Structure formats: structure tokens, C-alpha cells
Amino acid sequence: MLLDRVAEGDKVAFTELFDHYQVMVYDYSMKLTRSKSQAEEIVQDIFIKIWLKRKDIQTIENFGAYLNRATRNQCYTALRKIAADALKYVELTAQDVLSGTNAEHRLLYNESAKMLKTVVDTLPPQQKLVYELCHEQGLKYQEVADQLNISSGTVHKHMKLALKTIRTHFIEMNAMLFVLISMNK
């Protein structure tokens, strides 16, 4: 079996495995991230992990289901990192604005904050409320769940969807800005 050969370190078998499944991983990654570069990176990460943990591959009963789960988890990790980076950027820019170091940073911060508020305002009411309680008031998921009388799983789901919407919007805006800047050169 192909997985047995991969587990034994057969590089040809690994190439066959990669060729067989890489399109599936890429398509699923594109669906979740809507980013060609992110999807390509996720494909590489998934198959590097498979190669590094190849000895454990024989214990996997349904390899297709395993790949779907691994891809989904890798996508969510990548999207969380993008959101965290965007929030860190906004926070750092806010510090610059508060210290009054740079007019350009002040303008960029104000525009980013407006854009974030605009996106948050478009969220469904429950998602918006959960996002505001978690991010703006700093409450933990369980505290939000208790306050709204919903499960922490529901809070997690609302946050995941809200952050995905925010990330998607910021990614699209960055792409448009890049195109506009490129056209002006």
C-alpha cells in the first residue's frame, strides 16, 4: 500500500501521494483562505508535516478525512495568524499615534480603525456583540457566554466567523491597495 511505502521512507511513494492529494488540499485551502499564496503555503506545510511524521502514517484509517482535517486546522491557524498580525499592526500604529511620532502613521491608523469599525458594523448582530465583548472589552469566551447566556462553543463559532470576515476584508483591501500603488508607479 502507498501509505506503508511512505512510512518506510520511500520518496517515490511520497511523490505519488503528493501528486494524488495536493490538488484536493489546495482546493480546500483556497476555499477557506481565498488566497492563492496562503493555499500554496498550506499545501507545502501539510505535506512537509506528513513527510516528517511519516512513521505514524500507517495508523491513519481514512487518509482523505485526515487530510481534510489537517488542511482545515492549518487554514484556521494561518487565518488566526493573519488576524493577529493585523491587530498587532493596528495596536503598534495606535501606540505611534498616541506618542505623536508620525502624521502618516496617524492617518494610517485612523483609516485602519475606520475600516475595522465599518467591517464590524456589517457583522450579524450576535457576531458583532460577541466580537465587541471579546476584543473591545477584553472578556474571555466563557465570560461572554455567561453574560449572553449562550455556550462557549457558540461564542467561539461567532468569533471564528467574525474574524474570518474581518481577515477577508483586510486581505481584499490590501490587495486593492497594492494594485493601486502599482498603477501609480
N, C-alpha and C. Protein backbone atom coordinates (compact mmCIF):
# COMPACT_ATOMS: atom_id res chain seq x y z
N MET A 1 0.84 -1.18 0.00
CA MET A 1 0.00 0.00 0.00
C MET A 1 0.89 1.25 0.00
N LEU A 2 0.39 2.30 -0.59
CA LEU A 2 1.15 3.54 -0.76
C LEU A 2 1.58 4.15 0.58
N LEU A 3 0.67 4.19 1.54
CA LEU A 3 1.00 4.77 2.85
C LEU A 3 2.09 3.98 3.56
N ASP A 4 2.07 2.66 3.40
CA ASP A 4 3.12 1.83 4.00
C ASP A 4 4.48 2.16 3.41
N ARG A 5 4.51 2.36 2.11
CA ARG A 5 5.77 2.70 1.45
C ARG A 5 6.27 4.07 1.89
N VAL A 6 5.35 5.02 2.04
CA VAL A 6 5.74 6.35 2.53
C VAL A 6 6.29 6.23 3.94
N ALA A 7 5.63 5.44 4.79
CA ALA A 7 6.07 5.26 6.17
C ALA A 7 7.49 4.68 6.24
N GLU A 8 7.85 3.90 5.24
CA GLU A 8 9.19 3.31 5.19
C GLU A 8 10.22 4.28 4.61
N GLY A 9 9.78 5.47 4.20
CA GLY A 9 10.71 6.47 3.70
C GLY A 9 10.90 6.46 2.19
N ASP A 10 10.00 5.80 1.47
CA ASP A 10 10.08 5.72 0.01
C ASP A 10 9.69 7.08 -0.59
N LYS A 11 10.67 7.77 -1.16
CA LYS A 11 10.43 9.11 -1.70
C LYS A 11 9.55 9.08 -2.95
N VAL A 12 9.67 8.03 -3.74
CA VAL A 12 8.82 7.89 -4.93
C VAL A 12 7.37 7.74 -4.51
N ALA A 13 7.12 6.94 -3.48
CA ALA A 13 5.76 6.76 -2.97
C ALA A 13 5.22 8.08 -2.42
N PHE A 14 6.08 8.84 -1.75
CA PHE A 14 5.65 10.14 -1.22
C PHE A 14 5.28 11.08 -2.36
N THR A 15 6.06 11.06 -3.43
CA THR A 15 5.76 11.89 -4.60
C THR A 15 4.41 11.49 -5.20
N GLU A 16 4.14 10.18 -5.26
CA GLU A 16 2.84 9.70 -5.75
C GLU A 16 1.72 10.20 -4.85
N LEU A 17 1.93 10.10 -3.54
CA LEU A 17 0.94 10.56 -2.57
C LEU A 17 0.68 12.06 -2.75
N PHE A 18 1.75 12.82 -2.87
CA PHE A 18 1.64 14.26 -3.08
C PHE A 18 0.87 14.56 -4.36
N ASP A 19 1.27 13.92 -5.45
CA ASP A 19 0.61 14.15 -6.74
C ASP A 19 -0.88 13.82 -6.69
N HIS A 20 -1.21 12.78 -5.92
CA HIS A 20 -2.60 12.34 -5.85
C HIS A 20 -3.47 13.30 -5.02
N TYR A 21 -2.93 13.85 -3.93
CA TYR A 21 -3.74 14.62 -2.99
C TYR A 21 -3.52 16.12 -2.99
N GLN A 22 -2.46 16.60 -3.62
CA GLN A 22 -2.14 18.03 -3.50
C GLN A 22 -3.23 18.94 -4.06
N VAL A 23 -3.89 18.55 -5.12
CA VAL A 23 -4.97 19.39 -5.68
C VAL A 23 -6.13 19.49 -4.70
N MET A 24 -6.46 18.37 -4.05
CA MET A 24 -7.54 18.37 -3.06
C MET A 24 -7.20 19.33 -1.91
N VAL A 25 -5.97 19.24 -1.40
CA VAL A 25 -5.55 20.11 -0.30
C VAL A 25 -5.55 21.57 -0.75
N TYR A 26 -5.05 21.82 -1.95
CA TYR A 26 -5.00 23.19 -2.47
C TYR A 26 -6.42 23.77 -2.63
N ASP A 27 -7.32 23.00 -3.24
CA ASP A 27 -8.68 23.49 -3.47
C ASP A 27 -9.40 23.80 -2.15
N TYR A 28 -9.24 22.92 -1.17
CA TYR A 28 -9.88 23.13 0.13
C TYR A 28 -9.26 24.36 0.82
N SER A 29 -7.95 24.51 0.71
CA SER A 29 -7.27 25.67 1.29
C SER A 29 -7.74 26.96 0.63
N MET A 30 -7.89 26.94 -0.69
CA MET A 30 -8.38 28.13 -1.41
C MET A 30 -9.79 28.49 -0.96
N LYS A 31 -10.61 27.47 -0.78
CA LYS A 31 -11.99 27.70 -0.36
C LYS A 31 -12.03 28.39 1.01
N LEU A 32 -11.14 27.97 1.91
CA LEU A 32 -11.15 28.53 3.26
C LEU A 32 -10.41 29.86 3.38
N THR A 33 -9.30 30.01 2.65
CA THR A 33 -8.48 31.21 2.82
C THR A 33 -8.71 32.26 1.74
N ARG A 34 -9.18 31.83 0.58
CA ARG A 34 -9.38 32.71 -0.58
C ARG A 34 -8.08 33.43 -0.96
N SER A 35 -6.97 32.75 -0.74
CA SER A 35 -5.67 33.33 -1.05
C SER A 35 -4.80 32.27 -1.70
N LYS A 36 -4.39 32.55 -2.94
CA LYS A 36 -3.56 31.60 -3.67
C LYS A 36 -2.25 31.33 -2.94
N SER A 37 -1.59 32.39 -2.48
CA SER A 37 -0.30 32.20 -1.80
C SER A 37 -0.47 31.45 -0.48
N GLN A 38 -1.54 31.75 0.26
CA GLN A 38 -1.80 31.02 1.51
C GLN A 38 -2.07 29.55 1.22
N ALA A 39 -2.87 29.28 0.19
CA ALA A 39 -3.20 27.90 -0.16
C ALA A 39 -1.95 27.13 -0.56
N GLU A 40 -1.08 27.75 -1.35
CA GLU A 40 0.16 27.09 -1.76
C GLU A 40 1.04 26.79 -0.55
N GLU A 41 1.12 27.74 0.36
CA GLU A 41 1.93 27.55 1.57
C GLU A 41 1.36 26.44 2.44
N ILE A 42 0.05 26.38 2.52
CA ILE A 42 -0.60 25.35 3.33
C ILE A 42 -0.35 23.97 2.74
N VAL A 43 -0.41 23.85 1.42
CA VAL A 43 -0.10 22.56 0.77
C VAL A 43 1.31 22.12 1.16
N GLN A 44 2.25 23.03 1.06
CA GLN A 44 3.64 22.70 1.42
C GLN A 44 3.74 22.29 2.88
N ASP A 45 3.13 23.06 3.76
CA ASP A 45 3.20 22.76 5.19
C ASP A 45 2.60 21.39 5.51
N ILE A 46 1.45 21.10 4.93
CA ILE A 46 0.78 19.82 5.18
C ILE A 46 1.67 18.66 4.77
N PHE A 47 2.20 18.72 3.56
CA PHE A 47 2.99 17.59 3.07
C PHE A 47 4.37 17.50 3.72
N ILE A 48 4.91 18.62 4.16
CA ILE A 48 6.16 18.56 4.94
C ILE A 48 5.89 17.85 6.26
N LYS A 49 4.78 18.18 6.91
CA LYS A 49 4.44 17.52 8.17
C LYS A 49 4.21 16.02 7.96
N ILE A 50 3.55 15.68 6.85
CA ILE A 50 3.33 14.26 6.56
C ILE A 50 4.66 13.55 6.42
N TRP A 51 5.59 14.16 5.68
CA TRP A 51 6.90 13.52 5.49
C TRP A 51 7.65 13.39 6.82
N LEU A 52 7.61 14.44 7.62
CA LEU A 52 8.32 14.41 8.90
C LEU A 52 7.72 13.40 9.87
N LYS A 53 6.41 13.17 9.78
CA LYS A 53 5.74 12.22 10.67
C LYS A 53 5.33 10.96 9.93
N ARG A 54 6.07 10.64 8.89
CA ARG A 54 5.70 9.52 8.02
C ARG A 54 5.60 8.19 8.75
N LYS A 55 6.35 7.98 9.81
CA LYS A 55 6.30 6.71 10.52
C LYS A 55 4.94 6.49 11.19
N ASP A 56 4.23 7.57 11.48
CA ASP A 56 2.91 7.47 12.12
C ASP A 56 1.78 7.34 11.10
N ILE A 57 2.11 7.44 9.84
CA ILE A 57 1.08 7.48 8.79
C ILE A 57 0.28 6.18 8.69
N GLN A 58 0.90 5.07 9.09
CA GLN A 58 0.22 3.78 8.98
C GLN A 58 -0.97 3.66 9.94
N THR A 59 -0.99 4.47 10.99
CA THR A 59 -2.09 4.39 11.96
C THR A 59 -3.34 5.14 11.49
N ILE A 60 -3.23 5.89 10.41
CA ILE A 60 -4.36 6.67 9.90
C ILE A 60 -5.29 5.74 9.14
N GLU A 61 -6.56 5.70 9.59
CA GLU A 61 -7.52 4.79 8.96
C GLU A 61 -8.09 5.36 7.66
N ASN A 62 -8.42 6.65 7.66
CA ASN A 62 -9.00 7.27 6.47
C ASN A 62 -8.13 8.47 6.12
N PHE A 63 -7.22 8.30 5.17
CA PHE A 63 -6.24 9.33 4.86
C PHE A 63 -6.90 10.59 4.29
N GLY A 64 -7.94 10.43 3.48
CA GLY A 64 -8.64 11.59 2.92
C GLY A 64 -9.26 12.44 4.01
N ALA A 65 -9.91 11.80 4.98
CA ALA A 65 -10.51 12.54 6.09
C ALA A 65 -9.43 13.19 6.94
N TYR A 66 -8.32 12.48 7.13
CA TYR A 66 -7.19 13.04 7.88
C TYR A 66 -6.67 14.30 7.19
N LEU A 67 -6.52 14.24 5.87
CA LEU A 67 -6.03 15.40 5.12
C LEU A 67 -6.99 16.58 5.21
N ASN A 68 -8.29 16.29 5.11
CA ASN A 68 -9.28 17.37 5.23
C ASN A 68 -9.17 18.07 6.58
N ARG A 69 -9.08 17.27 7.65
CA ARG A 69 -8.98 17.84 8.99
C ARG A 69 -7.67 18.63 9.15
N ALA A 70 -6.57 18.05 8.68
CA ALA A 70 -5.27 18.72 8.78
C ALA A 70 -5.28 20.02 7.99
N THR A 71 -5.89 20.00 6.82
CA THR A 71 -5.95 21.20 5.98
C THR A 71 -6.79 22.28 6.65
N ARG A 72 -7.94 21.87 7.16
CA ARG A 72 -8.82 22.83 7.85
C ARG A 72 -8.08 23.46 9.04
N ASN A 73 -7.43 22.64 9.84
CA ASN A 73 -6.71 23.15 11.00
C ASN A 73 -5.58 24.10 10.58
N GLN A 74 -4.86 23.73 9.53
CA GLN A 74 -3.75 24.57 9.05
C GLN A 74 -4.28 25.91 8.52
N CYS A 75 -5.43 25.86 7.83
CA CYS A 75 -6.04 27.10 7.32
C CYS A 75 -6.45 28.01 8.46
N TYR A 76 -7.11 27.45 9.46
CA TYR A 76 -7.55 28.27 10.59
C TYR A 76 -6.36 28.86 11.34
N THR A 77 -5.29 28.08 11.46
CA THR A 77 -4.08 28.59 12.09
C THR A 77 -3.52 29.77 11.29
N ALA A 78 -3.47 29.62 9.98
CA ALA A 78 -2.95 30.69 9.12
C ALA A 78 -3.84 31.93 9.20
N LEU A 79 -5.15 31.73 9.19
CA LEU A 79 -6.07 32.87 9.25
C LEU A 79 -6.00 33.57 10.61
N ARG A 80 -5.85 32.79 11.68
CA ARG A 80 -5.68 33.40 13.01
C ARG A 80 -4.41 34.24 13.05
N LYS A 81 -3.35 33.74 12.42
CA LYS A 81 -2.08 34.48 12.41
C LYS A 81 -2.24 35.80 11.64
N ILE A 82 -2.95 35.75 10.51
CA ILE A 82 -3.18 36.98 9.74
C ILE A 82 -3.96 37.99 10.58
N ALA A 83 -5.00 37.51 11.26
CA ALA A 83 -5.80 38.41 12.10
C ALA A 83 -4.97 38.97 13.24
N ALA A 84 -4.17 38.11 13.87
CA ALA A 84 -3.32 38.57 14.98
C ALA A 84 -2.31 39.59 14.49
N ASP A 85 -1.72 39.34 13.32
CA ASP A 85 -0.76 40.30 12.75
C ASP A 85 -1.43 41.64 12.45
N ALA A 86 -2.65 41.58 11.90
CA ALA A 86 -3.36 42.82 11.58
C ALA A 86 -3.69 43.59 12.86
N LEU A 87 -4.13 42.86 13.89
CA LEU A 87 -4.44 43.53 15.15
C LEU A 87 -3.18 44.10 15.80
N LYS A 88 -2.09 43.35 15.72
CA LYS A 88 -0.83 43.84 16.29
C LYS A 88 -0.39 45.10 15.55
N TYR A 89 -0.55 45.09 14.23
CA TYR A 89 -0.19 46.27 13.44
C TYR A 89 -1.03 47.47 13.87
N VAL A 90 -2.32 47.25 14.03
CA VAL A 90 -3.20 48.34 14.45
C VAL A 90 -2.79 48.84 15.84
N GLU A 91 -2.46 47.90 16.74
CA GLU A 91 -2.04 48.30 18.09
C GLU A 91 -0.74 49.09 18.06
N LEU A 92 0.24 48.60 17.27
CA LEU A 92 1.52 49.31 17.17
C LEU A 92 1.33 50.69 16.56
N THR A 93 0.47 50.74 15.56
CA THR A 93 0.19 52.03 14.93
C THR A 93 -0.50 52.95 15.93
N ALA A 94 -1.37 52.39 16.74
CA ALA A 94 -2.05 53.18 17.76
C ALA A 94 -1.04 53.77 18.74
N GLN A 95 -0.05 52.97 19.11
CA GLN A 95 0.99 53.48 20.01
C GLN A 95 1.74 54.64 19.37
N ASP A 96 2.05 54.51 18.07
CA ASP A 96 2.73 55.60 17.36
C ASP A 96 1.86 56.85 17.35
N VAL A 97 0.56 56.64 17.10
CA VAL A 97 -0.35 57.78 17.04
C VAL A 97 -0.41 58.47 18.40
N LEU A 98 -0.53 57.66 19.45
CA LEU A 98 -0.63 58.24 20.79
C LEU A 98 0.64 58.98 21.18
N SER A 99 1.78 58.47 20.69
CA SER A 99 3.02 59.16 21.02
C SER A 99 3.28 60.32 20.06
N GLY A 100 2.44 60.44 19.03
CA GLY A 100 2.53 61.56 18.09
C GLY A 100 3.78 61.55 17.24
N THR A 101 4.32 60.34 16.91
CA THR A 101 5.59 60.29 16.21
C THR A 101 5.50 60.55 14.71
N ASN A 102 4.37 60.25 14.11
CA ASN A 102 4.37 60.32 12.66
C ASN A 102 2.96 60.60 12.13
N ALA A 103 2.81 61.65 11.36
CA ALA A 103 1.50 62.02 10.81
C ALA A 103 0.98 60.94 9.87
N GLU A 104 1.89 60.34 9.11
CA GLU A 104 1.47 59.28 8.18
C GLU A 104 0.93 58.08 8.96
N HIS A 105 1.59 57.71 10.05
CA HIS A 105 1.10 56.62 10.88
C HIS A 105 -0.26 56.95 11.48
N ARG A 106 -0.41 58.21 11.90
CA ARG A 106 -1.68 58.64 12.46
C ARG A 106 -2.80 58.46 11.45
N LEU A 107 -2.55 58.89 10.23
CA LEU A 107 -3.54 58.76 9.17
C LEU A 107 -3.85 57.29 8.88
N LEU A 108 -2.80 56.48 8.78
CA LEU A 108 -2.97 55.05 8.51
C LEU A 108 -3.75 54.38 9.63
N TYR A 109 -3.42 54.72 10.86
CA TYR A 109 -4.13 54.15 11.99
C TYR A 109 -5.61 54.53 11.94
N ASN A 110 -5.88 55.81 11.73
CA ASN A 110 -7.27 56.26 11.68
C ASN A 110 -8.05 55.56 10.58
N GLU A 111 -7.43 55.41 9.42
CA GLU A 111 -8.09 54.72 8.31
C GLU A 111 -8.32 53.25 8.63
N SER A 112 -7.31 52.60 9.22
CA SER A 112 -7.45 51.19 9.60
C SER A 112 -8.54 51.01 10.64
N ALA A 113 -8.58 51.90 11.61
CA ALA A 113 -9.60 51.82 12.65
C ALA A 113 -10.99 52.03 12.06
N LYS A 114 -11.12 52.98 11.13
CA LYS A 114 -12.42 53.21 10.46
C LYS A 114 -12.83 51.97 9.67
N MET A 115 -11.85 51.40 8.94
CA MET A 115 -12.15 50.22 8.13
C MET A 115 -12.58 49.06 9.03
N LEU A 116 -11.89 48.87 10.16
CA LEU A 116 -12.26 47.80 11.09
C LEU A 116 -13.66 48.04 11.64
N LYS A 117 -13.96 49.27 12.02
CA LYS A 117 -15.30 49.58 12.55
C LYS A 117 -16.37 49.34 11.49
N THR A 118 -16.07 49.72 10.25
CA THR A 118 -17.03 49.51 9.16
C THR A 118 -17.31 48.02 8.98
N VAL A 119 -16.26 47.21 9.00
CA VAL A 119 -16.44 45.77 8.83
C VAL A 119 -17.21 45.20 10.02
N VAL A 120 -16.84 45.59 11.23
CA VAL A 120 -17.53 45.09 12.43
C VAL A 120 -19.00 45.47 12.39
N ASP A 121 -19.32 46.67 11.91
CA ASP A 121 -20.71 47.11 11.82
C ASP A 121 -21.53 46.29 10.82
N THR A 122 -20.87 45.62 9.87
CA THR A 122 -21.60 44.80 8.90
C THR A 122 -21.84 43.38 9.40
N LEU A 123 -21.24 43.02 10.53
CA LEU A 123 -21.42 41.67 11.06
C LEU A 123 -22.86 41.49 11.53
N PRO A 124 -23.36 40.25 11.49
CA PRO A 124 -24.68 39.99 12.08
C PRO A 124 -24.68 40.43 13.55
N PRO A 125 -25.83 40.84 14.08
CA PRO A 125 -25.88 41.42 15.43
C PRO A 125 -25.20 40.58 16.52
N GLN A 126 -25.47 39.28 16.55
CA GLN A 126 -24.89 38.44 17.60
C GLN A 126 -23.37 38.34 17.45
N GLN A 127 -22.90 38.18 16.21
CA GLN A 127 -21.45 38.13 15.96
C GLN A 127 -20.80 39.44 16.38
N LYS A 128 -21.44 40.54 16.03
CA LYS A 128 -20.90 41.86 16.37
C LYS A 128 -20.79 42.02 17.88
N LEU A 129 -21.84 41.63 18.58
CA LEU A 129 -21.85 41.76 20.04
C LEU A 129 -20.75 40.90 20.66
N VAL A 130 -20.63 39.66 20.21
CA VAL A 130 -19.59 38.76 20.73
C VAL A 130 -18.21 39.32 20.44
N TYR A 131 -18.00 39.81 19.22
CA TYR A 131 -16.70 40.39 18.85
C TYR A 131 -16.37 41.58 19.76
N GLU A 132 -17.33 42.46 19.93
CA GLU A 132 -17.09 43.65 20.74
C GLU A 132 -16.79 43.30 22.20
N LEU A 133 -17.51 42.31 22.73
CA LEU A 133 -17.26 41.91 24.12
C LEU A 133 -15.88 41.28 24.28
N CYS A 134 -15.49 40.47 23.30
CA CYS A 134 -14.18 39.79 23.38
C CYS A 134 -13.03 40.75 23.09
N HIS A 135 -13.13 41.49 22.00
CA HIS A 135 -11.99 42.30 21.57
C HIS A 135 -11.96 43.70 22.16
N GLU A 136 -13.09 44.32 22.27
CA GLU A 136 -13.09 45.70 22.75
C GLU A 136 -13.16 45.79 24.27
N GLN A 137 -13.85 44.81 24.89
CA GLN A 137 -13.93 44.83 26.35
C GLN A 137 -12.97 43.83 26.98
N GLY A 138 -12.36 42.97 26.16
CA GLY A 138 -11.35 42.04 26.66
C GLY A 138 -11.88 40.88 27.47
N LEU A 139 -13.16 40.54 27.30
CA LEU A 139 -13.73 39.42 28.05
C LEU A 139 -13.28 38.09 27.45
N LYS A 140 -13.18 37.09 28.30
CA LYS A 140 -12.86 35.74 27.84
C LYS A 140 -14.13 35.11 27.27
N TYR A 141 -13.95 34.06 26.44
CA TYR A 141 -15.10 33.42 25.80
C TYR A 141 -16.14 32.97 26.85
N GLN A 142 -15.68 32.37 27.94
CA GLN A 142 -16.61 31.88 28.95
C GLN A 142 -17.37 33.03 29.61
N GLU A 143 -16.70 34.15 29.82
CA GLU A 143 -17.36 35.32 30.40
C GLU A 143 -18.43 35.86 29.46
N VAL A 144 -18.13 35.88 28.17
CA VAL A 144 -19.12 36.32 27.18
C VAL A 144 -20.29 35.35 27.15
N ALA A 145 -19.97 34.05 27.18
CA ALA A 145 -21.02 33.02 27.17
C ALA A 145 -21.95 33.20 28.37
N ASP A 146 -21.37 33.40 29.54
CA ASP A 146 -22.18 33.59 30.75
C ASP A 146 -23.03 34.86 30.65
N GLN A 147 -22.44 35.93 30.15
CA GLN A 147 -23.15 37.21 30.05
C GLN A 147 -24.31 37.14 29.06
N LEU A 148 -24.11 36.41 27.95
CA LEU A 148 -25.14 36.34 26.91
C LEU A 148 -26.03 35.11 27.04
N ASN A 149 -25.72 34.27 28.03
CA ASN A 149 -26.48 33.05 28.25
C ASN A 149 -26.45 32.12 27.03
N ILE A 150 -25.25 31.95 26.47
CA ILE A 150 -25.02 31.03 25.36
C ILE A 150 -23.82 30.17 25.71
N SER A 151 -23.59 29.12 24.94
CA SER A 151 -22.45 28.24 25.24
C SER A 151 -21.14 28.88 24.78
N SER A 152 -20.04 28.46 25.39
CA SER A 152 -18.74 28.99 24.96
C SER A 152 -18.43 28.53 23.54
N GLY A 153 -18.98 27.38 23.13
CA GLY A 153 -18.81 26.92 21.75
C GLY A 153 -19.47 27.87 20.77
N THR A 154 -20.62 28.40 21.14
CA THR A 154 -21.30 29.37 20.29
C THR A 154 -20.50 30.67 20.21
N VAL A 155 -19.93 31.07 21.34
CA VAL A 155 -19.07 32.26 21.34
C VAL A 155 -17.89 32.03 20.41
N HIS A 156 -17.27 30.86 20.52
CA HIS A 156 -16.13 30.51 19.66
C HIS A 156 -16.53 30.56 18.18
N LYS A 157 -17.70 30.00 17.87
CA LYS A 157 -18.18 29.99 16.48
C LYS A 157 -18.39 31.42 15.97
N HIS A 158 -19.03 32.26 16.78
CA HIS A 158 -19.25 33.65 16.37
C HIS A 158 -17.93 34.39 16.16
N MET A 159 -16.97 34.17 17.06
CA MET A 159 -15.67 34.82 16.92
C MET A 159 -14.95 34.34 15.67
N LYS A 160 -15.01 33.04 15.42
CA LYS A 160 -14.35 32.48 14.24
C LYS A 160 -14.92 33.10 12.97
N LEU A 161 -16.23 33.19 12.90
CA LEU A 161 -16.86 33.77 11.71
C LEU A 161 -16.58 35.27 11.60
N ALA A 162 -16.61 35.97 12.72
CA ALA A 162 -16.34 37.42 12.71
C ALA A 162 -14.91 37.68 12.26
N LEU A 163 -13.96 36.95 12.83
CA LEU A 163 -12.55 37.15 12.46
C LEU A 163 -12.29 36.79 11.01
N LYS A 164 -12.98 35.75 10.54
CA LYS A 164 -12.82 35.37 9.13
C LYS A 164 -13.31 36.50 8.22
N THR A 165 -14.45 37.09 8.56
CA THR A 165 -14.98 38.22 7.78
C THR A 165 -14.00 39.39 7.80
N ILE A 166 -13.49 39.70 8.97
CA ILE A 166 -12.55 40.83 9.11
C ILE A 166 -11.27 40.55 8.32
N ARG A 167 -10.72 39.34 8.47
CA ARG A 167 -9.49 38.98 7.74
C ARG A 167 -9.70 39.08 6.25
N THR A 168 -10.80 38.52 5.78
CA THR A 168 -11.09 38.53 4.34
C THR A 168 -11.15 39.97 3.84
N HIS A 169 -11.81 40.82 4.58
CA HIS A 169 -11.93 42.23 4.17
C HIS A 169 -10.56 42.90 4.12
N PHE A 170 -9.75 42.69 5.16
CA PHE A 170 -8.42 43.31 5.19
C PHE A 170 -7.52 42.76 4.09
N ILE A 171 -7.61 41.46 3.81
CA ILE A 171 -6.81 40.87 2.73
C ILE A 171 -7.21 41.48 1.40
N GLU A 172 -8.53 41.60 1.17
CA GLU A 172 -9.01 42.19 -0.08
C GLU A 172 -8.59 43.66 -0.19
N MET A 173 -8.66 44.39 0.90
CA MET A 173 -8.26 45.80 0.88
C MET A 173 -6.77 45.94 0.61
N ASN A 174 -5.96 45.08 1.22
CA ASN A 174 -4.51 45.13 0.99
C ASN A 174 -4.20 44.83 -0.47
N ALA A 175 -4.92 43.87 -1.05
CA ALA A 175 -4.70 43.54 -2.46
C ALA A 175 -5.05 44.72 -3.35
N MET A 176 -6.18 45.38 -3.05
CA MET A 176 -6.58 46.54 -3.85
C MET A 176 -5.58 47.68 -3.70
N LEU A 177 -5.09 47.91 -2.48
CA LEU A 177 -4.10 48.96 -2.26
C LEU A 177 -2.82 48.67 -3.04
N PHE A 178 -2.41 47.40 -3.05
CA PHE A 178 -1.21 47.02 -3.78
C PHE A 178 -1.38 47.32 -5.27
N VAL A 179 -2.54 46.98 -5.81
CA VAL A 179 -2.81 47.24 -7.23
C VAL A 179 -2.79 48.74 -7.50
N LEU A 180 -3.44 49.52 -6.65
CA LEU A 180 -3.47 50.97 -6.84
C LEU A 180 -2.07 51.58 -6.76
N ILE A 181 -1.29 51.13 -5.79
CA ILE A 181 0.08 51.64 -5.65
C ILE A 181 0.91 51.26 -6.87
N SER A 182 0.74 50.03 -7.34
CA SER A 182 1.48 49.56 -8.52
C SER A 182 1.12 50.37 -9.76
N MET A 183 -0.14 50.77 -9.87
CA MET A 183 -0.58 51.53 -11.04
C MET A 183 -0.01 52.95 -11.03
N ASN A 184 0.26 53.48 -9.85
CA ASN A 184 0.76 54.85 -9.74
C ASN A 184 2.26 54.97 -9.97
N LYS A 185 2.94 53.87 -10.09
CA LYS A 185 4.40 53.93 -10.29
C LYS A 185 4.76 54.06 -11.74
